[in-house]
Amino acid sequence: MRLAIGIDPGKSASVALVGKGDASRPLLLGVWSVYGADAPWRVRAEEAISNAAAAMPEGAGLAGTFVEVPAARGRTRGKKFGPDVWLGLGQRIGWLSCLAHGAGLGPLIQVSSGDWPKALGLRKGKQGDGQHRLGEAAMHCDTGAWRRTLLMGTAASTERAICQAESILIAAAALL
């Protein structure tokens, strides 16, 4: 079985472990959210990366640990992000890189937010509120009971679910 770890480093960051054997669709082995206020972000990120490393089946080959980075080197159409947003994203990607390397998952492989959707035949960017990513994750990956366990309803829980779906899709795209 080949494995890939997908990381969406956004505000509600998440880490997904996806495997692909002989089956036609990749299989979700686990997804961990970094979202929450129960501990500092770095502590929650370390826990998510450690959980992904621990969940890897013995003997499986890791294709890589893939992290989403902004397309077009951060130039966005119509979105005005200030320097604090870019600084925060850079810090999160840096911490995730250190944590992945420390957990033996190798260096992070940067994948553009425009490239992974293209590899899966999906539209780039979130449309509307982004909930289409939930169905896309289930379509491109055997997600098992993941979707049924999501607690939807609040803006925060919906954002967390969309982030998890994108980390699943990033990993699934890496296994094509």
N, C-alpha and C. Protein backbone atom coordinates (compact mmCIF):
# COMPACT_ATOMS: atom_id res chain seq x y z
N MET A 1 0.84 -1.18 0.00
CA MET A 1 0.00 0.00 0.00
C MET A 1 0.89 1.24 0.00
N ARG A 2 0.55 2.20 -0.87
CA ARG A 2 1.22 3.49 -0.89
C ARG A 2 0.42 4.46 -0.04
N LEU A 3 1.12 5.31 0.69
CA LEU A 3 0.47 6.28 1.57
C LEU A 3 0.84 7.69 1.17
N ALA A 4 -0.06 8.61 1.50
CA ALA A 4 0.23 10.04 1.36
C ALA A 4 -0.42 10.75 2.52
N ILE A 5 0.25 11.78 2.99
CA ILE A 5 -0.31 12.63 4.04
C ILE A 5 -0.59 13.97 3.39
N GLY A 6 -1.82 14.44 3.56
CA GLY A 6 -2.22 15.73 3.02
C GLY A 6 -2.46 16.70 4.17
N ILE A 7 -1.97 17.92 4.01
CA ILE A 7 -2.12 18.92 5.06
C ILE A 7 -2.71 20.19 4.47
N ASP A 8 -3.81 20.63 5.05
CA ASP A 8 -4.36 21.94 4.74
C ASP A 8 -3.94 22.83 5.91
N PRO A 9 -3.05 23.79 5.68
CA PRO A 9 -2.50 24.59 6.79
C PRO A 9 -3.34 25.81 7.15
N GLY A 10 -4.53 25.93 6.60
CA GLY A 10 -5.35 27.11 6.83
C GLY A 10 -5.72 27.33 8.28
N LYS A 11 -6.63 28.27 8.49
CA LYS A 11 -7.02 28.66 9.84
C LYS A 11 -7.47 27.46 10.68
N SER A 12 -8.17 26.52 10.07
CA SER A 12 -8.65 25.33 10.78
C SER A 12 -7.84 24.11 10.41
N ALA A 13 -6.56 24.24 10.23
CA ALA A 13 -5.66 23.21 9.70
C ALA A 13 -6.06 21.78 10.05
N SER A 14 -5.77 20.87 9.11
CA SER A 14 -6.00 19.46 9.37
C SER A 14 -4.99 18.62 8.61
N VAL A 15 -4.86 17.38 9.06
CA VAL A 15 -3.89 16.42 8.52
C VAL A 15 -4.65 15.14 8.19
N ALA A 16 -4.47 14.62 6.97
CA ALA A 16 -5.15 13.39 6.57
C ALA A 16 -4.13 12.36 6.11
N LEU A 17 -4.36 11.11 6.45
CA LEU A 17 -3.54 9.99 6.01
C LEU A 17 -4.41 9.15 5.08
N VAL A 18 -3.96 8.99 3.84
CA VAL A 18 -4.71 8.26 2.83
C VAL A 18 -3.80 7.19 2.24
N GLY A 19 -4.35 6.00 2.01
CA GLY A 19 -3.60 4.91 1.42
C GLY A 19 -4.25 4.43 0.13
N LYS A 20 -3.43 3.84 -0.73
CA LYS A 20 -3.96 3.27 -1.98
C LYS A 20 -3.25 1.96 -2.25
N GLY A 21 -4.05 0.94 -2.32
CA GLY A 21 -3.52 -0.38 -2.67
C GLY A 21 -3.96 -0.72 -4.08
N ASP A 22 -4.57 -1.88 -4.24
CA ASP A 22 -5.03 -2.31 -5.55
C ASP A 22 -6.43 -1.78 -5.87
N ALA A 23 -7.12 -1.25 -4.87
CA ALA A 23 -8.47 -0.74 -5.08
C ALA A 23 -8.43 0.48 -5.99
N SER A 24 -9.56 0.74 -6.62
CA SER A 24 -9.60 1.86 -7.57
C SER A 24 -9.57 3.21 -6.87
N ARG A 25 -10.11 3.28 -5.67
CA ARG A 25 -10.13 4.56 -4.95
C ARG A 25 -9.22 4.50 -3.73
N PRO A 26 -8.57 5.63 -3.41
CA PRO A 26 -7.79 5.68 -2.17
C PRO A 26 -8.69 5.49 -0.96
N LEU A 27 -8.09 5.09 0.14
CA LEU A 27 -8.81 4.81 1.38
C LEU A 27 -8.34 5.78 2.46
N LEU A 28 -9.28 6.44 3.11
CA LEU A 28 -8.96 7.33 4.22
C LEU A 28 -8.60 6.47 5.43
N LEU A 29 -7.39 6.65 5.95
CA LEU A 29 -6.94 5.92 7.13
C LEU A 29 -7.09 6.74 8.41
N GLY A 30 -7.20 8.05 8.26
CA GLY A 30 -7.40 8.91 9.43
C GLY A 30 -7.31 10.37 9.03
N VAL A 31 -8.01 11.20 9.77
CA VAL A 31 -7.94 12.64 9.58
C VAL A 31 -7.98 13.30 10.95
N TRP A 32 -7.09 14.27 11.16
CA TRP A 32 -6.97 14.91 12.45
C TRP A 32 -7.03 16.42 12.29
N SER A 33 -7.89 17.03 13.05
CA SER A 33 -8.05 18.47 12.99
C SER A 33 -7.10 19.15 13.97
N VAL A 34 -6.57 20.29 13.56
CA VAL A 34 -5.71 21.08 14.44
C VAL A 34 -6.54 22.17 15.11
N TYR A 35 -7.78 22.29 14.68
CA TYR A 35 -8.69 23.30 15.18
C TYR A 35 -8.94 23.14 16.69
N GLY A 36 -9.10 24.21 17.38
CA GLY A 36 -9.47 24.14 18.79
C GLY A 36 -8.74 25.16 19.63
N ALA A 37 -9.21 25.32 20.84
CA ALA A 37 -8.61 26.29 21.75
C ALA A 37 -8.13 25.62 23.03
N ASP A 38 -8.13 24.28 23.06
CA ASP A 38 -7.77 23.58 24.29
C ASP A 38 -6.26 23.57 24.54
N ALA A 39 -5.48 23.90 23.53
CA ALA A 39 -4.02 23.94 23.67
C ALA A 39 -3.49 24.88 22.60
N PRO A 40 -2.27 25.35 22.73
CA PRO A 40 -1.69 26.20 21.68
C PRO A 40 -1.67 25.48 20.33
N TRP A 41 -1.74 26.24 19.25
CA TRP A 41 -1.81 25.69 17.90
C TRP A 41 -0.67 24.71 17.65
N ARG A 42 0.54 25.06 18.05
CA ARG A 42 1.69 24.18 17.81
C ARG A 42 1.55 22.83 18.49
N VAL A 43 0.96 22.82 19.68
CA VAL A 43 0.75 21.57 20.41
C VAL A 43 -0.28 20.70 19.69
N ARG A 44 -1.36 21.32 19.24
CA ARG A 44 -2.40 20.58 18.51
C ARG A 44 -1.86 20.07 17.18
N ALA A 45 -1.02 20.88 16.49
CA ALA A 45 -0.43 20.45 15.22
C ALA A 45 0.51 19.26 15.44
N GLU A 46 1.30 19.32 16.50
CA GLU A 46 2.20 18.20 16.80
C GLU A 46 1.41 16.93 17.07
N GLU A 47 0.30 17.04 17.77
CA GLU A 47 -0.54 15.88 18.05
C GLU A 47 -1.11 15.30 16.75
N ALA A 48 -1.57 16.16 15.84
CA ALA A 48 -2.14 15.69 14.57
C ALA A 48 -1.07 14.97 13.74
N ILE A 49 0.12 15.55 13.63
CA ILE A 49 1.21 14.93 12.87
C ILE A 49 1.62 13.61 13.52
N SER A 50 1.73 13.59 14.85
CA SER A 50 2.10 12.36 15.56
C SER A 50 1.06 11.27 15.35
N ASN A 51 -0.22 11.63 15.39
CA ASN A 51 -1.29 10.66 15.16
C ASN A 51 -1.21 10.07 13.75
N ALA A 52 -0.91 10.93 12.77
CA ALA A 52 -0.79 10.44 11.39
C ALA A 52 0.39 9.47 11.27
N ALA A 53 1.52 9.81 11.88
CA ALA A 53 2.69 8.93 11.83
C ALA A 53 2.39 7.59 12.51
N ALA A 54 1.69 7.63 13.64
CA ALA A 54 1.38 6.41 14.38
C ALA A 54 0.37 5.53 13.65
N ALA A 55 -0.48 6.12 12.83
CA ALA A 55 -1.52 5.36 12.13
C ALA A 55 -1.04 4.71 10.85
N MET A 56 0.20 4.97 10.47
CA MET A 56 0.72 4.39 9.22
C MET A 56 0.89 2.88 9.37
N PRO A 57 0.28 2.11 8.45
CA PRO A 57 0.46 0.65 8.51
C PRO A 57 1.92 0.28 8.29
N GLU A 58 2.38 -0.69 9.06
CA GLU A 58 3.77 -1.13 8.94
C GLU A 58 4.02 -1.72 7.56
N GLY A 59 5.13 -1.35 6.98
CA GLY A 59 5.51 -1.86 5.67
C GLY A 59 4.95 -1.08 4.49
N ALA A 60 4.09 -0.13 4.74
CA ALA A 60 3.53 0.68 3.64
C ALA A 60 4.54 1.76 3.25
N GLY A 61 4.56 2.11 2.00
CA GLY A 61 5.49 3.13 1.51
C GLY A 61 4.84 4.51 1.52
N LEU A 62 5.57 5.48 2.01
CA LEU A 62 5.06 6.85 2.05
C LEU A 62 5.47 7.59 0.78
N ALA A 63 4.48 7.99 -0.02
CA ALA A 63 4.75 8.76 -1.24
C ALA A 63 5.23 10.16 -0.87
N GLY A 64 4.79 10.66 0.27
CA GLY A 64 5.22 11.98 0.72
C GLY A 64 4.21 12.63 1.63
N THR A 65 4.63 13.74 2.20
CA THR A 65 3.77 14.56 3.04
C THR A 65 3.57 15.86 2.29
N PHE A 66 2.34 16.12 1.89
CA PHE A 66 2.03 17.21 0.98
C PHE A 66 1.27 18.31 1.71
N VAL A 67 1.72 19.55 1.54
CA VAL A 67 1.07 20.69 2.17
C VAL A 67 0.62 21.66 1.09
N GLU A 68 -0.58 22.17 1.25
CA GLU A 68 -1.12 23.14 0.30
C GLU A 68 -0.48 24.51 0.52
N VAL A 69 -0.08 25.13 -0.58
CA VAL A 69 0.42 26.51 -0.55
C VAL A 69 -0.42 27.31 -1.54
N PRO A 70 -0.51 28.62 -1.36
CA PRO A 70 -1.33 29.43 -2.27
C PRO A 70 -0.85 29.33 -3.72
N ALA A 71 -1.80 29.30 -4.63
CA ALA A 71 -1.48 29.30 -6.05
C ALA A 71 -0.93 30.66 -6.45
N ALA A 72 -0.27 30.71 -7.57
CA ALA A 72 0.25 31.96 -8.14
C ALA A 72 1.09 32.75 -7.14
N ARG A 73 1.85 32.02 -6.32
CA ARG A 73 2.73 32.63 -5.33
C ARG A 73 2.00 33.65 -4.44
N GLY A 74 0.75 33.34 -4.12
CA GLY A 74 0.03 34.20 -3.19
C GLY A 74 -0.77 35.32 -3.81
N ARG A 75 -0.63 35.51 -5.12
CA ARG A 75 -1.44 36.55 -5.77
C ARG A 75 -2.87 36.02 -5.85
N THR A 76 -3.82 36.74 -5.32
CA THR A 76 -5.20 36.30 -5.31
C THR A 76 -6.07 37.29 -6.06
N ARG A 77 -7.09 36.77 -6.70
CA ARG A 77 -8.03 37.62 -7.42
C ARG A 77 -9.11 38.10 -6.47
N GLY A 78 -9.17 39.38 -6.26
CA GLY A 78 -10.26 39.96 -5.49
C GLY A 78 -10.15 39.81 -3.99
N LYS A 79 -9.24 39.00 -3.52
CA LYS A 79 -9.10 38.81 -2.08
C LYS A 79 -7.96 39.69 -1.60
N LYS A 80 -8.21 40.44 -0.58
CA LYS A 80 -7.18 41.32 -0.03
C LYS A 80 -6.75 40.74 1.31
N PHE A 81 -5.61 40.10 1.31
CA PHE A 81 -5.06 39.57 2.54
C PHE A 81 -3.94 40.48 2.98
N GLY A 82 -3.96 40.83 4.23
CA GLY A 82 -2.90 41.68 4.75
C GLY A 82 -1.66 40.87 5.08
N PRO A 83 -0.59 41.56 5.44
CA PRO A 83 0.66 40.86 5.74
C PRO A 83 0.54 39.91 6.93
N ASP A 84 -0.34 40.20 7.87
CA ASP A 84 -0.49 39.30 9.02
C ASP A 84 -1.01 37.93 8.60
N VAL A 85 -1.92 37.91 7.62
CA VAL A 85 -2.46 36.63 7.14
C VAL A 85 -1.34 35.81 6.49
N TRP A 86 -0.54 36.45 5.63
CA TRP A 86 0.54 35.72 4.97
C TRP A 86 1.61 35.28 5.96
N LEU A 87 1.91 36.13 6.93
CA LEU A 87 2.89 35.77 7.95
C LEU A 87 2.40 34.56 8.74
N GLY A 88 1.14 34.57 9.14
CA GLY A 88 0.57 33.45 9.89
C GLY A 88 0.60 32.16 9.10
N LEU A 89 0.26 32.22 7.82
CA LEU A 89 0.28 31.03 6.98
C LEU A 89 1.71 30.50 6.84
N GLY A 90 2.67 31.40 6.64
CA GLY A 90 4.07 30.98 6.53
C GLY A 90 4.56 30.33 7.81
N GLN A 91 4.16 30.89 8.96
CA GLN A 91 4.56 30.30 10.24
C GLN A 91 3.96 28.91 10.41
N ARG A 92 2.68 28.75 10.04
CA ARG A 92 2.04 27.43 10.17
C ARG A 92 2.72 26.40 9.28
N ILE A 93 3.02 26.78 8.03
CA ILE A 93 3.68 25.84 7.13
C ILE A 93 5.07 25.50 7.66
N GLY A 94 5.78 26.48 8.20
CA GLY A 94 7.10 26.22 8.78
C GLY A 94 7.04 25.26 9.95
N TRP A 95 6.10 25.47 10.86
CA TRP A 95 5.95 24.57 12.01
C TRP A 95 5.57 23.17 11.55
N LEU A 96 4.62 23.08 10.60
CA LEU A 96 4.21 21.76 10.11
C LEU A 96 5.38 21.03 9.45
N SER A 97 6.22 21.78 8.74
CA SER A 97 7.40 21.18 8.12
C SER A 97 8.34 20.60 9.17
N CYS A 98 8.61 21.37 10.20
CA CYS A 98 9.47 20.89 11.29
C CYS A 98 8.89 19.67 11.97
N LEU A 99 7.59 19.71 12.24
CA LEU A 99 6.93 18.59 12.93
C LEU A 99 6.95 17.33 12.07
N ALA A 100 6.67 17.47 10.77
CA ALA A 100 6.67 16.31 9.88
C ALA A 100 8.07 15.70 9.79
N HIS A 101 9.07 16.54 9.66
CA HIS A 101 10.45 16.05 9.59
C HIS A 101 10.83 15.34 10.89
N GLY A 102 10.45 15.94 12.02
CA GLY A 102 10.74 15.35 13.32
C GLY A 102 10.04 14.02 13.55
N ALA A 103 8.88 13.83 12.93
CA ALA A 103 8.12 12.59 13.08
C ALA A 103 8.56 11.53 12.08
N GLY A 104 9.60 11.84 11.29
CA GLY A 104 10.10 10.88 10.32
C GLY A 104 9.29 10.82 9.04
N LEU A 105 8.51 11.85 8.78
CA LEU A 105 7.66 11.87 7.59
C LEU A 105 8.31 12.60 6.43
N GLY A 106 9.57 12.94 6.57
CA GLY A 106 10.31 13.60 5.51
C GLY A 106 9.95 15.06 5.37
N PRO A 107 10.61 15.73 4.44
CA PRO A 107 10.29 17.14 4.23
C PRO A 107 8.92 17.29 3.58
N LEU A 108 8.27 18.41 3.84
CA LEU A 108 6.98 18.68 3.22
C LEU A 108 7.18 18.95 1.73
N ILE A 109 6.27 18.44 0.94
CA ILE A 109 6.24 18.70 -0.49
C ILE A 109 5.12 19.70 -0.71
N GLN A 110 5.47 20.86 -1.24
CA GLN A 110 4.47 21.90 -1.44
C GLN A 110 3.67 21.62 -2.69
N VAL A 111 2.35 21.71 -2.56
CA VAL A 111 1.45 21.53 -3.70
C VAL A 111 0.54 22.75 -3.76
N SER A 112 0.45 23.33 -4.94
CA SER A 112 -0.32 24.55 -5.13
C SER A 112 -1.81 24.30 -4.93
N SER A 113 -2.49 25.30 -4.40
CA SER A 113 -3.94 25.20 -4.21
C SER A 113 -4.67 25.15 -5.55
N GLY A 114 -3.95 25.35 -6.64
CA GLY A 114 -4.54 25.18 -7.96
C GLY A 114 -4.21 23.85 -8.59
N ASP A 115 -3.13 23.21 -8.15
CA ASP A 115 -2.67 21.96 -8.79
C ASP A 115 -3.42 20.72 -8.31
N TRP A 116 -3.66 20.60 -6.98
CA TRP A 116 -4.31 19.37 -6.53
C TRP A 116 -5.75 19.26 -7.03
N PRO A 117 -6.53 20.37 -7.10
CA PRO A 117 -7.87 20.20 -7.68
C PRO A 117 -7.81 19.80 -9.15
N LYS A 118 -6.84 20.37 -9.88
CA LYS A 118 -6.70 20.06 -11.31
C LYS A 118 -6.38 18.58 -11.48
N ALA A 119 -5.52 18.02 -10.64
CA ALA A 119 -5.15 16.60 -10.74
C ALA A 119 -6.37 15.69 -10.55
N LEU A 120 -7.33 16.14 -9.75
CA LEU A 120 -8.53 15.35 -9.49
C LEU A 120 -9.69 15.72 -10.40
N GLY A 121 -9.49 16.69 -11.28
CA GLY A 121 -10.56 17.12 -12.16
C GLY A 121 -11.61 17.97 -11.46
N LEU A 122 -11.19 18.67 -10.41
CA LEU A 122 -12.12 19.51 -9.64
C LEU A 122 -11.90 20.97 -9.96
N ARG A 123 -12.87 21.79 -9.64
CA ARG A 123 -12.70 23.23 -9.82
C ARG A 123 -11.79 23.77 -8.73
N LYS A 124 -11.03 24.79 -9.11
CA LYS A 124 -10.10 25.39 -8.16
C LYS A 124 -10.86 26.31 -7.21
N GLY A 125 -10.39 26.38 -6.00
CA GLY A 125 -10.97 27.29 -5.02
C GLY A 125 -12.29 26.80 -4.47
N LYS A 126 -12.63 27.34 -3.34
CA LYS A 126 -13.91 26.99 -2.73
C LYS A 126 -15.01 27.80 -3.41
N GLN A 127 -16.06 27.13 -3.79
CA GLN A 127 -17.21 27.80 -4.38
C GLN A 127 -18.24 28.03 -3.27
N GLY A 128 -18.76 29.23 -3.19
CA GLY A 128 -19.75 29.53 -2.16
C GLY A 128 -19.15 29.31 -0.78
N ASP A 129 -19.80 28.49 0.02
CA ASP A 129 -19.33 28.25 1.38
C ASP A 129 -18.33 27.09 1.46
N GLY A 130 -18.02 26.46 0.34
CA GLY A 130 -17.01 25.41 0.31
C GLY A 130 -17.51 24.01 0.63
N GLN A 131 -18.80 23.86 0.92
CA GLN A 131 -19.30 22.54 1.31
C GLN A 131 -19.23 21.51 0.19
N HIS A 132 -19.04 21.94 -1.06
CA HIS A 132 -18.89 20.99 -2.15
C HIS A 132 -17.67 20.10 -1.93
N ARG A 133 -16.69 20.57 -1.16
CA ARG A 133 -15.49 19.77 -0.90
C ARG A 133 -15.81 18.49 -0.12
N LEU A 134 -16.88 18.49 0.68
CA LEU A 134 -17.25 17.29 1.44
C LEU A 134 -17.65 16.16 0.49
N GLY A 135 -18.49 16.47 -0.49
CA GLY A 135 -18.90 15.47 -1.47
C GLY A 135 -17.76 15.03 -2.36
N GLU A 136 -16.88 15.98 -2.70
CA GLU A 136 -15.73 15.65 -3.54
C GLU A 136 -14.79 14.70 -2.82
N ALA A 137 -14.59 14.90 -1.52
CA ALA A 137 -13.73 13.99 -0.76
C ALA A 137 -14.31 12.58 -0.77
N ALA A 138 -15.62 12.45 -0.59
CA ALA A 138 -16.27 11.14 -0.59
C ALA A 138 -16.26 10.51 -1.98
N MET A 139 -16.27 11.34 -3.02
CA MET A 139 -16.27 10.83 -4.39
C MET A 139 -14.88 10.30 -4.79
N HIS A 140 -13.83 10.95 -4.34
CA HIS A 140 -12.47 10.59 -4.76
C HIS A 140 -11.74 9.68 -3.78
N CYS A 141 -12.32 9.43 -2.64
CA CYS A 141 -11.65 8.63 -1.61
C CYS A 141 -12.70 7.86 -0.82
N ASP A 142 -12.40 6.61 -0.49
CA ASP A 142 -13.29 5.84 0.37
C ASP A 142 -13.12 6.39 1.78
N THR A 143 -14.06 7.24 2.18
CA THR A 143 -13.94 7.94 3.47
C THR A 143 -14.64 7.20 4.60
N GLY A 144 -15.24 6.05 4.31
CA GLY A 144 -15.88 5.28 5.37
C GLY A 144 -16.93 6.10 6.11
N ALA A 145 -16.87 6.07 7.42
CA ALA A 145 -17.86 6.75 8.25
C ALA A 145 -17.51 8.21 8.52
N TRP A 146 -16.39 8.70 7.97
CA TRP A 146 -15.94 10.07 8.26
C TRP A 146 -17.04 11.09 8.10
N ARG A 147 -17.72 11.07 6.98
CA ARG A 147 -18.73 12.10 6.70
C ARG A 147 -19.91 12.02 7.65
N ARG A 148 -20.27 10.83 8.06
CA ARG A 148 -21.40 10.68 8.99
C ARG A 148 -21.05 11.13 10.40
N THR A 149 -19.76 11.22 10.71
CA THR A 149 -19.37 11.61 12.06
C THR A 149 -19.18 13.12 12.22
N LEU A 150 -19.28 13.86 11.11
CA LEU A 150 -19.07 15.30 11.18
C LEU A 150 -20.21 15.97 11.94
N LEU A 151 -19.86 16.89 12.77
CA LEU A 151 -20.85 17.69 13.48
C LEU A 151 -21.02 18.99 12.73
N MET A 152 -22.05 19.04 11.90
CA MET A 152 -22.29 20.24 11.11
C MET A 152 -23.30 21.10 11.86
N GLY A 153 -23.40 22.33 11.45
CA GLY A 153 -24.41 23.20 12.04
C GLY A 153 -23.85 24.56 12.40
N THR A 154 -22.71 24.58 13.05
CA THR A 154 -22.12 25.88 13.38
C THR A 154 -21.11 26.24 12.30
N ALA A 155 -20.82 27.51 12.18
CA ALA A 155 -19.84 27.95 11.19
C ALA A 155 -18.48 27.31 11.44
N ALA A 156 -18.09 27.20 12.71
CA ALA A 156 -16.79 26.62 13.06
C ALA A 156 -16.72 25.14 12.68
N SER A 157 -17.77 24.38 12.96
CA SER A 157 -17.74 22.95 12.65
C SER A 157 -17.77 22.72 11.14
N THR A 158 -18.48 23.57 10.40
CA THR A 158 -18.50 23.46 8.96
C THR A 158 -17.13 23.78 8.38
N GLU A 159 -16.50 24.83 8.86
CA GLU A 159 -15.15 25.20 8.40
C GLU A 159 -14.16 24.08 8.68
N ARG A 160 -14.26 23.46 9.85
CA ARG A 160 -13.36 22.36 10.22
C ARG A 160 -13.58 21.17 9.27
N ALA A 161 -14.83 20.85 8.96
CA ALA A 161 -15.13 19.73 8.07
C ALA A 161 -14.61 19.99 6.66
N ILE A 162 -14.74 21.21 6.17
CA ILE A 162 -14.25 21.55 4.84
C ILE A 162 -12.73 21.44 4.80
N CYS A 163 -12.07 21.88 5.85
CA CYS A 163 -10.61 21.78 5.93
C CYS A 163 -10.18 20.31 5.94
N GLN A 164 -10.89 19.47 6.67
CA GLN A 164 -10.58 18.04 6.68
C GLN A 164 -10.75 17.46 5.28
N ALA A 165 -11.83 17.84 4.60
CA ALA A 165 -12.08 17.34 3.25
C ALA A 165 -10.95 17.75 2.31
N GLU A 166 -10.46 18.97 2.43
CA GLU A 166 -9.38 19.41 1.56
C GLU A 166 -8.08 18.67 1.86
N SER A 167 -7.80 18.38 3.12
CA SER A 167 -6.58 17.62 3.42
C SER A 167 -6.69 16.19 2.86
N ILE A 168 -7.88 15.62 2.88
CA ILE A 168 -8.12 14.29 2.28
C ILE A 168 -7.86 14.36 0.77
N LEU A 169 -8.40 15.39 0.13
CA LEU A 169 -8.24 15.54 -1.32
C LEU A 169 -6.79 15.79 -1.71
N ILE A 170 -6.05 16.55 -0.93
CA ILE A 170 -4.64 16.80 -1.20
C ILE A 170 -3.87 15.48 -1.20
N ALA A 171 -4.13 14.64 -0.19
CA ALA A 171 -3.45 13.33 -0.12
C ALA A 171 -3.89 12.42 -1.26
N ALA A 172 -5.19 12.41 -1.57
CA ALA A 172 -5.70 11.56 -2.65
C ALA A 172 -5.08 11.95 -3.98
N ALA A 173 -4.93 13.25 -4.23
CA ALA A 173 -4.33 13.73 -5.48
C ALA A 173 -2.88 13.28 -5.59
N ALA A 174 -2.19 13.20 -4.47
CA ALA A 174 -0.78 12.78 -4.48
C ALA A 174 -0.63 11.31 -4.85
N LEU A 175 -1.67 10.52 -4.71
CA LEU A 175 -1.60 9.10 -4.98
C LEU A 175 -2.04 8.73 -6.39
N LEU A 176 -2.33 9.71 -7.21
CA LEU A 176 -2.75 9.43 -8.59
C LEU A 176 -1.58 8.90 -9.41
